[in-house]
Amino acid sequence: MEGYGFLIGTREPESIKAALPVGKTARWYESLDRFANIMPASEKARHFATMFGMEILGLYHCFAADCTKESPLNAVPFEYQN
């Protein structure tokens, strides 16, 4: 299983404030599930972030083995282009 979503925060100063989940896939190789949900959720995430004066900074993903560890480093950010 893989969870994924958006990293929300500020660019100045650069700071991640929240991870907003988008969904999960049953199998890591099912990329269609993953990408089918990201684009529709991006508008909701953008709206949510602007309500708090923030923006989408990137994407994260977490695999089942990693998700059980208590560490903020489980999230792997990717640059998000608005």
Protein backbone atom coordinates (compact mmCIF):
# COMPACT_ATOMS: atom_id res chain seq x y z
CA MET A 1 0.00 0.00 0.00
CA GLU A 2 1.15 3.50 -0.74
CA GLY A 3 -0.22 6.78 0.63
CA TYR A 4 0.34 10.08 -1.14
CA GLY A 5 -0.71 13.71 -1.02
CA PHE A 6 0.34 17.36 -0.99
CA LEU A 7 2.85 19.19 1.18
CA ILE A 8 1.43 22.58 2.16
CA GLY A 9 3.32 25.52 3.62
CA THR A 10 5.08 28.78 2.88
CA ARG A 11 7.98 29.66 0.58
CA GLU A 12 9.18 32.68 2.57
CA PRO A 13 10.27 31.48 5.02
CA GLU A 14 10.41 28.04 3.42
CA SER A 15 8.47 25.78 5.75
CA ILE A 16 6.21 22.76 5.37
CA LYS A 17 3.23 23.18 7.70
CA ALA A 18 0.98 20.25 6.76
CA ALA A 19 0.67 17.10 4.70
CA LEU A 20 -2.74 16.84 3.05
CA PRO A 21 -3.54 13.23 2.07
CA VAL A 22 -4.99 12.62 -1.39
CA GLY A 23 -5.36 8.85 -1.43
CA LYS A 24 -3.70 5.49 -1.50
CA THR A 25 -3.10 2.63 -3.87
CA ALA A 26 -3.43 -1.05 -3.04
CA ARG A 27 -0.28 -1.87 -5.02
CA TRP A 28 2.75 0.34 -5.62
CA TYR A 29 2.77 -0.38 -9.35
CA GLU A 30 -0.80 0.86 -9.91
CA SER A 31 0.20 4.31 -11.06
CA LEU A 32 -3.12 5.02 -12.77
CA ASP A 33 -4.88 5.07 -9.38
CA ARG A 34 -2.30 7.49 -8.05
CA PHE A 35 -2.23 9.98 -10.88
CA ALA A 36 -5.98 9.87 -11.52
CA ASN A 37 -6.59 11.32 -8.05
CA ILE A 38 -3.80 13.90 -7.86
CA MET A 39 -5.04 16.39 -10.45
CA PRO A 40 -8.65 16.67 -9.22
CA ALA A 41 -7.41 16.94 -5.63
CA SER A 42 -4.91 19.70 -6.49
CA GLU A 43 -7.65 22.33 -6.84
CA LYS A 44 -9.12 21.41 -3.45
CA ALA A 45 -5.66 21.42 -1.88
CA ARG A 46 -4.86 24.81 -3.43
CA HIS A 47 -8.14 26.24 -2.08
CA PHE A 48 -7.48 24.78 1.39
CA ALA A 49 -3.92 26.15 1.46
CA THR A 50 -4.94 29.67 0.42
CA MET A 51 -7.54 29.76 3.22
CA PHE A 52 -4.58 29.71 5.62
CA GLY A 53 -2.21 31.91 3.59
CA MET A 54 -0.16 28.96 2.33
CA GLU A 55 0.45 27.16 -0.96
CA ILE A 56 1.22 23.70 -2.30
CA LEU A 57 4.97 23.14 -2.00
CA GLY A 58 5.26 19.58 -3.25
CA LEU A 59 3.99 16.03 -3.20
CA TYR A 60 4.77 13.23 -0.77
CA HIS A 61 4.44 9.48 -0.90
CA CYS A 62 4.84 6.85 1.77
CA PHE A 63 5.08 3.08 1.33
CA ALA A 64 3.47 0.70 3.85
CA ALA A 65 6.80 -0.30 5.39
CA ASP A 66 7.73 3.37 5.89
CA CYS A 67 4.29 4.53 7.06
CA THR A 68 4.59 2.60 10.30
CA LYS A 69 7.74 4.47 11.35
CA GLU A 70 7.29 7.58 13.46
CA SER A 71 9.43 9.98 11.47
CA PRO A 72 8.68 13.12 9.46
CA LEU A 73 11.36 11.98 7.01
CA ASN A 74 8.98 9.35 5.61
CA ALA A 75 7.57 12.01 3.29
CA VAL A 76 9.55 12.47 0.08
CA PRO A 77 8.86 15.95 -1.34
CA PHE A 78 8.77 16.72 -5.04
CA GLU A 79 8.67 20.22 -6.48
CA TYR A 80 5.08 21.13 -7.36
CA GLN A 81 4.52 23.52 -10.27
CA ASN A 82 1.32 25.59 -9.96
